[in-house]
Amino acid sequence: MNPLSPSFLWRMCSLLVLAVAISMAVSIRESWAPEPPFNGWIDMVEVEGRVLIVQAVSGTNSTECLKADKTEVAESKTSVRVRVVLRDVCPRRERTLLEKWRDELWPRSYIGTGGVVVVPVTLDRPLGRRKIFDEQGHEVQVCPIAGSRLETIQRCQM
């Protein structure tokens, strides 16, 4: 093959363009915007006097990255309504353009349990016979604290 022939030069230019495109795809990183806060699902509330220990659950985040952003409590004579706003505080790992394409073409599957945040809340007066509701109006399981935390949770799971 003649090194100056048009077909040889065309092949070399194509290889050079391909090499540059691959190196750009491997090196360009995608940055992520911070995650907005979101409502946590209240799984269970442990009670001791005026203190509620609220377990807020997120279906998508791990416990290490999950923090309570805000807790709101509205008390009445017959009920207590609780809302916990969660935030993912861990920065998301940057992906290269090549990793992004791979994830779009062959999505990964994850098996996770979600994250749990335990938030203490102090009421104006003891809970007594009042019922606890989440933000959507669903009644939340109340578990009186007695003994160790493990014993309390085991007793409430029955």
Protein backbone atom coordinates (compact mmCIF):
# COMPACT_ATOMS: atom_id res chain seq x y z
CA MET A 1 0.00 0.00 0.00
CA ASN A 2 1.19 3.45 -0.87
CA PRO A 3 1.43 5.58 2.32
CA LEU A 4 0.35 8.69 0.38
CA SER A 5 -2.63 7.16 -1.38
CA PRO A 6 -6.04 8.77 -0.66
CA SER A 7 -7.52 5.59 0.83
CA PHE A 8 -4.57 5.20 3.24
CA LEU A 9 -4.78 8.86 4.33
CA TRP A 10 -8.57 8.50 4.76
CA ARG A 11 -8.10 5.46 7.00
CA MET A 12 -5.45 7.21 9.10
CA CYS A 13 -7.68 10.30 9.54
CA SER A 14 -10.60 8.08 10.52
CA LEU A 15 -8.47 6.28 13.12
CA LEU A 16 -7.22 9.59 14.49
CA VAL A 17 -10.77 10.97 14.81
CA LEU A 18 -11.91 7.73 16.45
CA ALA A 19 -9.01 7.84 18.94
CA VAL A 20 -9.79 11.46 19.86
CA ALA A 21 -13.52 10.68 20.26
CA ILE A 22 -12.80 7.71 22.53
CA SER A 23 -10.36 9.68 24.68
CA MET A 24 -12.94 12.48 25.04
CA ALA A 25 -15.68 9.99 25.97
CA VAL A 26 -13.44 8.50 28.64
CA SER A 27 -12.30 11.84 30.12
CA ILE A 28 -15.38 14.12 30.01
CA ARG A 29 -17.17 13.96 33.35
CA GLU A 30 -20.82 14.63 34.00
CA SER A 31 -21.57 16.79 37.04
CA TRP A 32 -24.74 16.37 39.09
CA ALA A 33 -26.99 18.94 40.68
CA PRO A 34 -27.58 18.47 44.43
CA GLU A 35 -30.53 16.31 45.35
CA PRO A 36 -33.63 18.23 46.50
CA PRO A 37 -35.18 17.34 49.88
CA PHE A 38 -38.04 14.84 49.87
CA ASN A 39 -40.65 13.48 52.29
CA GLY A 40 -39.70 10.37 54.20
CA TRP A 41 -42.18 7.58 54.80
CA ILE A 42 -42.76 7.13 58.54
CA ASP A 43 -42.46 3.46 59.40
CA MET A 44 -42.78 3.37 63.17
CA VAL A 45 -42.75 5.70 66.16
CA GLU A 46 -41.40 4.75 69.55
CA VAL A 47 -42.87 6.71 72.47
CA GLU A 48 -41.65 7.54 75.95
CA GLY A 49 -43.57 10.32 77.67
CA ARG A 50 -43.31 13.48 75.55
CA VAL A 51 -40.56 12.12 73.27
CA LEU A 52 -41.31 10.47 69.95
CA ILE A 53 -38.53 8.54 68.21
CA VAL A 54 -39.64 8.67 64.56
CA GLN A 55 -38.21 6.20 62.03
CA ALA A 56 -38.34 7.84 58.60
CA VAL A 57 -37.63 5.58 55.63
CA SER A 58 -36.50 6.31 52.09
CA GLY A 59 -36.87 3.67 49.40
CA THR A 60 -33.86 4.75 47.37
CA ASN A 61 -31.10 6.04 49.60
CA SER A 62 -28.64 4.33 51.89
CA THR A 63 -28.66 5.19 55.60
CA GLU A 64 -25.13 6.68 55.49
CA CYS A 65 -26.16 9.41 53.05
CA LEU A 66 -29.60 10.16 54.47
CA LYS A 67 -30.16 13.03 56.91
CA ALA A 68 -33.30 14.64 58.35
CA ASP A 69 -33.62 18.08 56.78
CA LYS A 70 -36.71 19.17 58.71
CA THR A 71 -39.31 17.72 61.07
CA GLU A 72 -42.81 19.16 61.43
CA VAL A 73 -45.30 18.22 64.15
CA ALA A 74 -48.92 19.40 64.43
CA GLU A 75 -50.61 18.47 67.72
CA SER A 76 -54.34 18.42 68.48
CA LYS A 77 -56.42 16.99 71.35
CA THR A 78 -56.94 13.67 69.54
CA SER A 79 -53.96 13.26 67.23
CA VAL A 80 -50.40 14.16 66.32
CA ARG A 81 -49.42 14.63 62.66
CA VAL A 82 -45.71 14.16 61.86
CA ARG A 83 -43.78 15.00 58.69
CA VAL A 84 -40.07 14.30 58.18
CA VAL A 85 -38.23 15.85 55.24
CA LEU A 86 -35.09 13.94 54.25
CA ARG A 87 -32.06 14.88 52.18
CA ASP A 88 -29.36 12.84 50.47
CA VAL A 89 -26.13 14.53 51.62
CA CYS A 90 -23.59 12.35 49.81
CA PRO A 91 -22.28 13.80 46.56
CA ARG A 92 -23.07 11.63 43.59
CA ARG A 93 -20.08 10.08 41.90
CA GLU A 94 -19.17 11.74 38.64
CA ARG A 95 -19.48 9.53 35.58
CA THR A 96 -17.53 9.74 32.38
CA LEU A 97 -19.44 10.05 29.14
CA LEU A 98 -18.55 6.45 28.32
CA GLU A 99 -19.96 5.25 31.67
CA LYS A 100 -23.14 7.26 31.06
CA TRP A 101 -23.64 5.64 27.63
CA ARG A 102 -22.99 2.20 29.13
CA ASP A 103 -25.55 2.81 31.91
CA GLU A 104 -28.15 3.98 29.38
CA LEU A 105 -27.59 0.98 27.08
CA TRP A 106 -27.24 -1.64 29.82
CA PRO A 107 -28.91 -0.34 33.00
CA ARG A 108 -27.62 -1.81 36.23
CA SER A 109 -30.02 -3.40 38.66
CA TYR A 110 -29.69 -2.66 42.35
CA ILE A 111 -31.09 -4.54 45.29
CA GLY A 112 -31.34 -2.29 48.31
CA THR A 113 -33.33 -1.87 51.45
CA GLY A 114 -33.41 1.91 51.44
CA GLY A 115 -32.29 4.19 54.19
CA VAL A 116 -33.65 4.77 57.67
CA VAL A 117 -33.27 7.97 59.69
CA VAL A 118 -34.19 8.06 63.37
CA VAL A 119 -35.43 11.51 64.46
CA PRO A 120 -36.32 12.45 68.04
CA VAL A 121 -39.30 14.82 68.43
CA THR A 122 -40.48 16.43 71.69
CA LEU A 123 -44.21 17.04 72.06
CA ASP A 124 -45.83 19.86 74.03
CA ARG A 125 -47.51 17.27 76.26
CA PRO A 126 -47.34 13.46 76.60
CA LEU A 127 -48.92 11.46 73.77
CA GLY A 128 -51.43 9.66 76.01
CA ARG A 129 -54.32 8.21 73.97
CA ARG A 130 -53.69 10.41 70.93
CA LYS A 131 -52.98 8.69 67.63
CA ILE A 132 -50.06 9.51 65.36
CA PHE A 133 -50.57 10.15 61.63
CA ASP A 134 -48.15 10.80 58.80
CA GLU A 135 -48.45 13.67 56.32
CA GLN A 136 -50.87 11.72 54.10
CA GLY A 137 -53.17 10.97 57.04
CA HIS A 138 -52.19 7.31 57.48
CA GLU A 139 -52.04 6.08 61.06
CA VAL A 140 -48.52 5.20 62.20
CA GLN A 141 -47.65 2.23 64.43
CA VAL A 142 -46.82 3.41 67.96
CA CYS A 143 -44.42 1.39 70.08
CA PRO A 144 -43.95 2.23 73.80
CA ILE A 145 -40.29 2.11 74.81
CA ALA A 146 -39.59 -0.55 77.43
CA GLY A 147 -36.21 -2.17 77.91
CA SER A 148 -33.54 -2.03 75.22
CA ARG A 149 -34.17 -0.67 71.73
CA LEU A 150 -33.92 -4.19 70.28
CA GLU A 151 -36.52 -5.52 72.74
CA THR A 152 -38.83 -2.60 71.94
CA ILE A 153 -38.60 -3.19 68.19
CA GLN A 154 -39.03 -6.96 68.57
CA ARG A 155 -42.14 -6.47 70.74
CA CYS A 156 -43.64 -4.05 68.20
CA GLN A 157 -42.97 -6.32 65.22
CA MET A 158 -45.22 -9.05 66.69
